[in-house]
C-alpha cells in the first residue's frame, strides 16, 4: 500500500491544506493550524514530509509543515555524524 493511501488528509477537504495568503494571523493562521492538527495525528507524517522535502518548493501543508518551514529545513547544515568525514 502506498503511504499516501494511509494519510489522514485523505478524509479531509484538500483545500484545508492550501491556505490562501501568508499571514501570521487571522483566517490563514487558523486554517494552517487546522491542517497541521490533521498532520499531527497522521500515521505517515514522516513519509509525507520526506517526500515534500525531496520534491522541492511547493505550496501547501505537507508533513505538518508550511512551505516556509520546509525551506528553512533545507537551508540548515546537516550535522556531522560520528565517523563521517566532512570536506
PDB file of N, CA and C in Angstrom:
ATOM      1  N   UNK A   1       0.840  -1.177   0.000  1.00  0.00           N
ATOM      2  CA  UNK A   1       0.000   0.000   0.000  1.00  0.00           C
ATOM      3  C   UNK A   1       0.889   1.246   0.000  1.00  0.00           C
ATOM      4  N   UNK A   2       0.568   2.166  -0.832  1.00  0.00           N
ATOM      5  CA  UNK A   2       1.265   3.441  -0.925  1.00  0.00           C
ATOM      6  C   UNK A   2       1.015   4.257   0.344  1.00  0.00           C
ATOM      7  N   UNK A   3       2.033   4.975   0.840  1.00  0.00           N
ATOM      8  CA  UNK A   3       1.879   5.734   2.082  1.00  0.00           C
ATOM      9  C   UNK A   3       0.767   6.758   1.972  1.00  0.00           C
ATOM     10  N   UNK A   4       0.571   7.314   0.793  1.00  0.00           N
ATOM     11  CA  UNK A   4      -0.464   8.347   0.620  1.00  0.00           C
ATOM     12  C   UNK A   4      -1.869   7.806   0.878  1.00  0.00           C
ATOM     13  N   UNK A   5      -2.065   6.545   0.621  1.00  0.00           N
ATOM     14  CA  UNK A   5      -3.388   5.940   0.835  1.00  0.00           C
ATOM     15  C   UNK A   5      -3.728   5.825   2.317  1.00  0.00           C
ATOM     16  N   UNK A   6      -2.716   5.889   3.176  1.00  0.00           N
ATOM     17  CA  UNK A   6      -2.940   5.798   4.625  1.00  0.00           C
ATOM     18  C   UNK A   6      -2.948   7.165   5.298  1.00  0.00           C
ATOM     19  N   UNK A   7      -2.755   8.217   4.533  1.00  0.00           N
ATOM     20  CA  UNK A   7      -2.657   9.565   5.091  1.00  0.00           C
ATOM     21  C   UNK A   7      -3.990  10.052   5.667  1.00  0.00           C
ATOM     22  N   UNK A   8      -3.915  10.708   6.799  1.00  0.00           N
ATOM     23  CA  UNK A   8      -5.114  11.244   7.456  1.00  0.00           C
ATOM     24  C   UNK A   8      -5.803  12.301   6.611  1.00  0.00           C
ATOM     25  N   UNK A   9      -5.069  12.982   5.773  1.00  0.00           N
ATOM     26  CA  UNK A   9      -5.653  14.044   4.953  1.00  0.00           C
ATOM     27  C   UNK A   9      -6.620  13.507   3.894  1.00  0.00           C
ATOM     28  N   UNK A  10      -6.573  12.216   3.627  1.00  0.00           N
ATOM     29  CA  UNK A  10      -7.477  11.626   2.634  1.00  0.00           C
ATOM     30  C   UNK A  10      -8.949  11.846   2.999  1.00  0.00           C
ATOM     31  N   UNK A  11      -9.229  11.974   4.292  1.00  0.00           N
ATOM     32  CA  UNK A  11     -10.607  12.148   4.755  1.00  0.00           C
ATOM     33  C   UNK A  11     -10.990  13.625   4.901  1.00  0.00           C
ATOM     34  N   UNK A  12     -10.099  14.520   4.504  1.00  0.00           N
ATOM     35  CA  UNK A  12     -10.316  15.958   4.673  1.00  0.00           C
ATOM     36  C   UNK A  12     -10.490  16.652   3.324  1.00  0.00           C
ATOM     37  N   UNK A  13     -11.032  17.855   3.369  1.00  0.00           N
ATOM     38  CA  UNK A  13     -11.140  18.695   2.182  1.00  0.00           C
ATOM     39  C   UNK A  13      -9.727  19.123   1.779  1.00  0.00           C
ATOM     40  N   UNK A  14      -9.295  18.837   0.563  1.00  0.00           N
ATOM     41  CA  UNK A  14      -7.932  19.195   0.149  1.00  0.00           C
ATOM     42  C   UNK A  14      -7.623  20.686   0.294  1.00  0.00           C
ATOM     43  N   UNK A  15      -8.634  21.537   0.158  1.00  0.00           N
ATOM     44  CA  UNK A  15      -8.406  22.979   0.279  1.00  0.00           C
ATOM     45  C   UNK A  15      -7.876  23.369   1.654  1.00  0.00           C
ATOM     46  N   UNK A  16      -8.152  22.552   2.679  1.00  0.00           N
ATOM     47  CA  UNK A  16      -7.668  22.841   4.017  1.00  0.00           C
ATOM     48  C   UNK A  16      -6.144  22.966   4.035  1.00  0.00           C
ATOM     49  N   UNK A  17      -5.467  22.206   3.202  1.00  0.00           N
ATOM     50  CA  UNK A  17      -4.009  22.140   3.212  1.00  0.00           C
ATOM     51  C   UNK A  17      -3.343  23.176   2.308  1.00  0.00           C
ATOM     52  N   UNK A  18      -4.155  24.067   1.743  1.00  0.00           N
ATOM     53  CA  UNK A  18      -3.629  25.117   0.871  1.00  0.00           C
ATOM     54  C   UNK A  18      -4.212  26.464   1.280  1.00  0.00           C
ATOM     55  N   UNK A  19      -3.796  26.965   2.462  1.00  0.00           N
ATOM     56  CA  UNK A  19      -4.312  28.257   2.934  1.00  0.00           C
ATOM     57  C   UNK A  19      -3.988  29.373   1.947  1.00  0.00           C
ATOM     58  N   UNK A  20      -4.923  30.296   1.803  1.00  0.00           N
ATOM     59  CA  UNK A  20      -4.728  31.434   0.915  1.00  0.00           C
ATOM     60  C   UNK A  20      -4.023  32.526   1.708  1.00  0.00           C
ATOM     61  N   UNK A  21      -2.906  32.992   1.201  1.00  0.00           N
ATOM     62  CA  UNK A  21      -2.150  34.048   1.863  1.00  0.00           C
ATOM     63  C   UNK A  21      -1.044  33.491   2.732  1.00  0.00           C
ATOM     64  N   UNK A  22      -0.248  34.397   3.251  1.00  0.00           N
ATOM     65  CA  UNK A  22       0.882  34.009   4.089  1.00  0.00           C
ATOM     66  C   UNK A  22       0.854  34.758   5.407  1.00  0.00           C
ATOM     67  N   UNK A  23      -0.315  35.196   5.799  1.00  0.00           N
ATOM     68  CA  UNK A  23      -0.468  35.974   7.021  1.00  0.00           C
ATOM     69  C   UNK A  23      -0.196  35.118   8.255  1.00  0.00           C
ATOM     70  N   UNK A  24       0.410  35.732   9.245  1.00  0.00           N
ATOM     71  CA  UNK A  24       0.667  35.038  10.504  1.00  0.00           C
ATOM     72  C   UNK A  24      -0.475  35.261  11.493  1.00  0.00           C
ATOM     73  N   UNK A  25      -1.614  35.699  10.983  1.00  0.00           N
ATOM     74  CA  UNK A  25      -2.773  35.907  11.843  1.00  0.00           C
ATOM     75  C   UNK A  25      -4.050  35.738  11.023  1.00  0.00           C
ATOM     76  N   UNK A  26      -5.162  35.744  11.705  1.00  0.00           N
ATOM     77  CA  UNK A  26      -6.447  35.676  11.039  1.00  0.00           C
ATOM     78  C   UNK A  26      -6.770  34.327  10.446  1.00  0.00           C
ATOM     79  N   UNK A  27      -7.620  34.324   9.413  1.00  0.00           N
ATOM     80  CA  UNK A  27      -8.103  33.069   8.823  1.00  0.00           C
ATOM     81  C   UNK A  27      -6.999  32.167   8.278  1.00  0.00           C
ATOM     82  N   UNK A  28      -5.947  32.743   7.726  1.00  0.00           N
ATOM     83  CA  UNK A  28      -4.850  31.928   7.189  1.00  0.00           C
ATOM     84  C   UNK A  28      -4.176  31.142   8.300  1.00  0.00           C
ATOM     85  N   UNK A  29      -3.923  31.784   9.418  1.00  0.00           N
ATOM     86  CA  UNK A  29      -3.295  31.120  10.551  1.00  0.00           C
ATOM     87  C   UNK A  29      -4.194  30.026  11.110  1.00  0.00           C
ATOM     88  N   UNK A  30      -5.469  30.305  11.211  1.00  0.00           N
ATOM     89  CA  UNK A  30      -6.422  29.306  11.715  1.00  0.00           C
ATOM     90  C   UNK A  30      -6.448  28.087  10.802  1.00  0.00           C
ATOM     91  N   UNK A  31      -6.513  28.318   9.500  1.00  0.00           N
ATOM     92  CA  UNK A  31      -6.543  27.212   8.550  1.00  0.00           C
ATOM     93  C   UNK A  31      -5.245  26.412   8.599  1.00  0.00           C
ATOM     94  N   UNK A  32      -4.112  27.101   8.704  1.00  0.00           N
ATOM     95  CA  UNK A  32      -2.822  26.419   8.801  1.00  0.00           C
ATOM     96  C   UNK A  32      -2.771  25.552  10.050  1.00  0.00           C
ATOM     97  N   UNK A  33      -3.233  26.093  11.170  1.00  0.00           N
ATOM     98  CA  UNK A  33      -3.246  25.322  12.420  1.00  0.00           C
ATOM     99  C   UNK A  33      -4.154  24.106  12.319  1.00  0.00           C
ATOM    100  N   UNK A  34      -5.297  24.244  11.657  1.00  0.00           N
ATOM    101  CA  UNK A  34      -6.212  23.106  11.486  1.00  0.00           C
ATOM    102  C   UNK A  34      -5.580  22.019  10.614  1.00  0.00           C
ATOM    103  N   UNK A  35      -4.907  22.428   9.555  1.00  0.00           N
ATOM    104  CA  UNK A  35      -4.243  21.454   8.681  1.00  0.00           C
ATOM    105  C   UNK A  35      -3.127  20.740   9.430  1.00  0.00           C
ATOM    106  N   UNK A  36      -2.336  21.490  10.186  1.00  0.00           N
ATOM    107  CA  UNK A  36      -1.246  20.888  10.948  1.00  0.00           C
ATOM    108  C   UNK A  36      -1.768  19.925  12.008  1.00  0.00           C
ATOM    109  N   UNK A  37      -2.946  20.206  12.551  1.00  0.00           N
ATOM    110  CA  UNK A  37      -3.551  19.301  13.544  1.00  0.00           C
ATOM    111  C   UNK A  37      -3.861  17.950  12.909  1.00  0.00           C
ATOM    112  N   UNK A  38      -4.322  17.954  11.668  1.00  0.00           N
ATOM    113  CA  UNK A  38      -4.571  16.698  10.954  1.00  0.00           C
ATOM    114  C   UNK A  38      -3.241  15.959  10.775  1.00  0.00           C
ATOM    115  N   UNK A  39      -2.210  16.682  10.401  1.00  0.00           N
ATOM    116  CA  UNK A  39      -0.892  16.075  10.193  1.00  0.00           C
ATOM    117  C   UNK A  39      -0.329  15.471  11.478  1.00  0.00           C
ATOM    118  N   UNK A  40      -0.551  16.131  12.600  1.00  0.00           N
ATOM    119  CA  UNK A  40      -0.005  15.623  13.864  1.00  0.00           C
ATOM    120  C   UNK A  40      -0.531  14.242  14.207  1.00  0.00           C
ATOM    121  N   UNK A  41      -1.727  13.920  13.779  1.00  0.00           N
ATOM    122  CA  UNK A  41      -2.284  12.602  14.092  1.00  0.00           C
ATOM    123  C   UNK A  41      -2.146  11.618  12.925  1.00  0.00           C
ATOM    124  N   UNK A  42      -1.402  11.997  11.918  1.00  0.00           N
ATOM    125  CA  UNK A  42      -1.260  11.177  10.717  1.00  0.00           C
ATOM    126  C   UNK A  42      -0.185  10.101  10.896  1.00  0.00           C
ATOM    127  N   UNK A  43      -0.500   8.857  10.529  1.00  0.00           N
ATOM    128  CA  UNK A  43       0.473   7.773  10.678  1.00  0.00           C
ATOM    129  C   UNK A  43       1.617   7.823   9.662  1.00  0.00           C
ATOM    130  N   UNK A  44       1.490   8.618   8.623  1.00  0.00           N
ATOM    131  CA  UNK A  44       2.538   8.675   7.596  1.00  0.00           C
ATOM    132  C   UNK A  44       3.129  10.083   7.468  1.00  0.00           C
ATOM    133  N   UNK A  45       3.069  10.833   8.533  1.00  0.00           N
ATOM    134  CA  UNK A  45       3.561  12.212   8.520  1.00  0.00           C
ATOM    135  C   UNK A  45       5.029  12.280   8.093  1.00  0.00           C
ATOM    136  N   UNK A  46       5.855  11.409   8.626  1.00  0.00           N
ATOM    137  CA  UNK A  46       7.281  11.444   8.292  1.00  0.00           C
ATOM    138  C   UNK A  46       7.528  11.164   6.811  1.00  0.00           C
ATOM    139  N   UNK A  47       6.803  10.205   6.251  1.00  0.00           N
ATOM    140  CA  UNK A  47       6.964   9.902   4.819  1.00  0.00           C
ATOM    141  C   UNK A  47       6.514  11.096   3.976  1.00  0.00           C
ATOM    142  N   UNK A  48       5.435  11.732   4.383  1.00  0.00           N
ATOM    143  CA  UNK A  48       4.916  12.890   3.662  1.00  0.00           C
ATOM    144  C   UNK A  48       5.928  14.033   3.687  1.00  0.00           C
ATOM    145  N   UNK A  49       6.485  14.297   4.862  1.00  0.00           N
ATOM    146  CA  UNK A  49       7.470  15.366   4.979  1.00  0.00           C
ATOM    147  C   UNK A  49       8.709  15.051   4.150  1.00  0.00           C
ATOM    148  N   UNK A  50       9.181  13.831   4.199  1.00  0.00           N
ATOM    149  CA  UNK A  50      10.350  13.445   3.400  1.00  0.00           C
ATOM    150  C   UNK A  50      10.074  13.635   1.919  1.00  0.00           C
ATOM    151  N   UNK A  51       8.880  13.251   1.484  1.00  0.00           N
ATOM    152  CA  UNK A  51       8.508  13.416   0.083  1.00  0.00           C
ATOM    153  C   UNK A  51       8.505  14.895  -0.289  1.00  0.00           C
ATOM    154  N   UNK A  52       7.916  15.728   0.574  1.00  0.00           N
ATOM    155  CA  UNK A  52       7.833  17.163   0.291  1.00  0.00           C
ATOM    156  C   UNK A  52       9.219  17.802   0.248  1.00  0.00           C
ATOM    157  N   UNK A  53      10.104  17.383   1.134  1.00  0.00           N
ATOM    158  CA  UNK A  53      11.468  17.930   1.120  1.00  0.00           C
ATOM    159  C   UNK A  53      12.212  17.512  -0.145  1.00  0.00           C
ATOM    160  N   UNK A  54      12.009  16.280  -0.587  1.00  0.00           N
ATOM    161  CA  UNK A  54      12.648  15.805  -1.819  1.00  0.00           C
ATOM    162  C   UNK A  54      12.075  16.490  -3.052  1.00  0.00           C
ATOM    163  N   UNK A  55      10.779  16.774  -3.022  1.00  0.00           N
ATOM    164  CA  UNK A  55      10.101  17.357  -4.187  1.00  0.00           C
ATOM    165  C   UNK A  55      10.510  18.802  -4.428  1.00  0.00           C
ATOM    166  N   UNK A  56      10.930  19.491  -3.387  1.00  0.00           N
ATOM    167  CA  UNK A  56      11.326  20.884  -3.541  1.00  0.00           C
ATOM    168  C   UNK A  56      10.184  21.838  -3.233  1.00  0.00           C
ATOM    169  N   UNK A  57      10.397  23.115  -3.503  1.00  0.00           N
ATOM    170  CA  UNK A  57       9.403  24.127  -3.140  1.00  0.00           C
ATOM    171  C   UNK A  57       8.040  23.849  -3.758  1.00  0.00           C
ATOM    172  N   UNK A  58       7.028  23.865  -2.894  1.00  0.00           N
ATOM    173  CA  UNK A  58       5.655  23.738  -3.358  1.00  0.00           C
ATOM    174  C   UNK A  58       4.727  24.314  -2.304  1.00  0.00           C
ATOM    175  N   UNK A  59       3.586  24.765  -2.742  1.00  0.00           N
ATOM    176  CA  UNK A  59       2.597  25.335  -1.839  1.00  0.00           C
ATOM    177  C   UNK A  59       1.971  24.267  -0.970  1.00  0.00           C
ATOM    178  N   UNK A  60       1.416  24.719   0.131  1.00  0.00           N
ATOM    179  CA  UNK A  60       0.597  23.847   0.954  1.00  0.00           C
ATOM    180  C   UNK A  60       1.296  23.295   2.175  1.00  0.00           C
ATOM    181  N   UNK A  61       0.480  22.634   2.978  1.00  0.00           N
ATOM    182  CA  UNK A  61       0.944  21.984   4.192  1.00  0.00           C
ATOM    183  C   UNK A  61       1.232  20.530   3.834  1.00  0.00           C
ATOM    184  N   UNK A  62       2.452  20.109   4.054  1.00  0.00           N
ATOM    185  CA  UNK A  62       2.887  18.734   3.774  1.00  0.00           C
ATOM    186  C   UNK A  62       3.684  18.248   4.975  1.00  0.00           C
ATOM    187  N   UNK A  63       3.341  17.114   5.502  1.00  0.00           N
ATOM    188  CA  UNK A  63       4.075  16.577   6.642  1.00  0.00           C
ATOM    189  C   UNK A  63       4.026  17.483   7.858  1.00  0.00           C
ATOM    190  N   UNK A  64       2.973  18.264   7.965  1.00  0.00           N
ATOM    191  CA  UNK A  64       2.814  19.153   9.112  1.00  0.00           C
ATOM    192  C   UNK A  64       3.635  20.421   9.048  1.00  0.00           C
ATOM    193  N   UNK A  65       4.120  20.782   7.856  1.00  0.00           N
ATOM    194  CA  UNK A  65       4.948  21.972   7.712  1.00  0.00           C
ATOM    195  C   UNK A  65       4.448  22.846   6.570  1.00  0.00           C
ATOM    196  N   UNK A  66       4.736  24.134   6.684  1.00  0.00           N
ATOM    197  CA  UNK A  66       4.423  25.074   5.603  1.00  0.00           C
ATOM    198  C   UNK A  66       5.593  25.103   4.623  1.00  0.00           C
ATOM    199  N   UNK A  67       5.390  25.739   3.497  1.00  0.00           N
ATOM    200  CA  UNK A  67       6.466  25.873   2.519  1.00  0.00           C
ATOM    201  C   UNK A  67       7.662  26.601   3.134  1.00  0.00           C
ATOM    202  N   UNK A  68       7.399  27.651   3.915  1.00  0.00           N
ATOM    203  CA  UNK A  68       8.484  28.410   4.541  1.00  0.00           C
ATOM    204  C   UNK A  68       9.241  27.541   5.559  1.00  0.00           C
ATOM    205  N   UNK A  69       8.532  26.726   6.307  1.00  0.00           N
ATOM    206  CA  UNK A  69       9.192  25.846   7.281  1.00  0.00           C
ATOM    207  C   UNK A  69      10.067  24.805   6.583  1.00  0.00           C
ATOM    208  N   UNK A  70       9.573  24.269   5.468  1.00  0.00           N
ATOM    209  CA  UNK A  70      10.388  23.298   4.718  1.00  0.00           C
ATOM    210  C   UNK A  70      11.610  23.956   4.110  1.00  0.00           C
ATOM    211  N   UNK A  71      11.464  25.179   3.627  1.00  0.00           N
ATOM    212  CA  UNK A  71      12.620  25.889   3.067  1.00  0.00           C
ATOM    213  C   UNK A  71      13.676  26.101   4.142  1.00  0.00           C
ATOM    214  N   UNK A  72      13.243  26.449   5.350  1.00  0.00           N
ATOM    215  CA  UNK A  72      14.187  26.634   6.452  1.00  0.00           C
ATOM    216  C   UNK A  72      14.892  25.326   6.788  1.00  0.00           C
ATOM    217  N   UNK A  73      14.181  24.213   6.706  1.00  0.00           N
ATOM    218  CA  UNK A  73      14.789  22.909   6.981  1.00  0.00           C
ATOM    219  C   UNK A  73      15.885  22.579   5.982  1.00  0.00           C
ATOM    220  N   UNK A  74      15.685  22.935   4.740  1.00  0.00           N
ATOM    221  CA  UNK A  74      16.660  22.591   3.705  1.00  0.00           C
ATOM    222  C   UNK A  74      17.863  23.520   3.732  1.00  0.00           C
ATOM    223  N   UNK A  75      17.743  24.685   4.377  1.00  0.00           N
ATOM    224  CA  UNK A  75      18.876  25.610   4.470  1.00  0.00           C
ATOM    225  C   UNK A  75      19.804  25.284   5.624  1.00  0.00           C
ATOM    226  N   UNK A  76      19.330  24.500   6.575  1.00  0.00           N
ATOM    227  CA  UNK A  76      20.151  24.172   7.743  1.00  0.00           C
ATOM    228  C   UNK A  76      21.262  23.204   7.346  1.00  0.00           C
ATOM    229  N   UNK A  77      22.458  23.428   7.872  1.00  0.00           N
ATOM    230  CA  UNK A  77      23.527  22.466   7.593  1.00  0.00           C
ATOM    231  C   UNK A  77      23.263  21.145   8.315  1.00  0.00           C
ATOM    232  N   UNK A  78      23.640  20.067   7.689  1.00  0.00           N
ATOM    233  CA  UNK A  78      23.472  18.744   8.284  1.00  0.00           C
ATOM    234  C   UNK A  78      24.620  18.516   9.241  1.00  0.00           C
ATOM    235  N   UNK A  79      24.317  18.215  10.512  1.00  0.00           N
ATOM    236  CA  UNK A  79      25.418  17.987  11.461  1.00  0.00           C
ATOM    237  C   UNK A  79      26.209  16.745  11.086  1.00  0.00           C
ATOM    238  N   UNK A  80      27.500  16.800  11.345  1.00  0.00           N
ATOM    239  CA  UNK A  80      28.366  15.649  11.048  1.00  0.00           C
ATOM    240  C   UNK A  80      28.046  14.525  11.999  1.00  0.00           C
ATOM    241  N   UNK A  81      27.947  13.310  11.476  1.00  0.00           N
ATOM    242  CA  UNK A  81      27.725  12.142  12.324  1.00  0.00           C
ATOM    243  C   UNK A  81      29.077  11.578  12.736  1.00  0.00           C
ATOM    244  N   UNK A  82      29.075  10.855  13.844  1.00  0.00           N
ATOM    245  CA  UNK A  82      30.341  10.222  14.257  1.00  0.00           C
ATOM    246  C   UNK A  82      30.883   9.332  13.143  1.00  0.00           C
ATOM    247  N   UNK A  83      32.137   9.484  12.847  1.00  0.00           N
ATOM    248  CA  UNK A  83      32.757   8.656  11.832  1.00  0.00           C
ATOM    249  C   UNK A  83      32.585   9.195  10.419  1.00  0.00           C
ATOM    250  N   UNK A  84      31.814  10.258  10.263  1.00  0.00           N
ATOM    251  CA  UNK A  84      31.587  10.840   8.939  1.00  0.00           C
ATOM    252  C   UNK A  84      32.702  11.834   8.629  1.00  0.00           C
ATOM    253  N   UNK A  85      33.232  11.737   7.448  1.00  0.00           N
ATOM    254  CA  UNK A  85      34.289  12.637   7.027  1.00  0.00           C
ATOM    255  C   UNK A  85      33.640  13.820   6.338  1.00  0.00           C
ATOM    256  N   UNK A  86      33.981  15.034   6.781  1.00  0.00           N
ATOM    257  CA  UNK A  86      33.441  16.221   6.155  1.00  0.00           C
ATOM    258  C   UNK A  86      34.557  16.919   5.407  1.00  0.00           C
ATOM    259  N   UNK A  87      34.239  17.495   4.248  1.00  0.00           N
ATOM    260  CA  UNK A  87      35.269  18.174   3.451  1.00  0.00           C
ATOM    261  C   UNK A  87      35.771  19.423   4.119  1.00  0.00           C
TER     262      UNK A  87
END
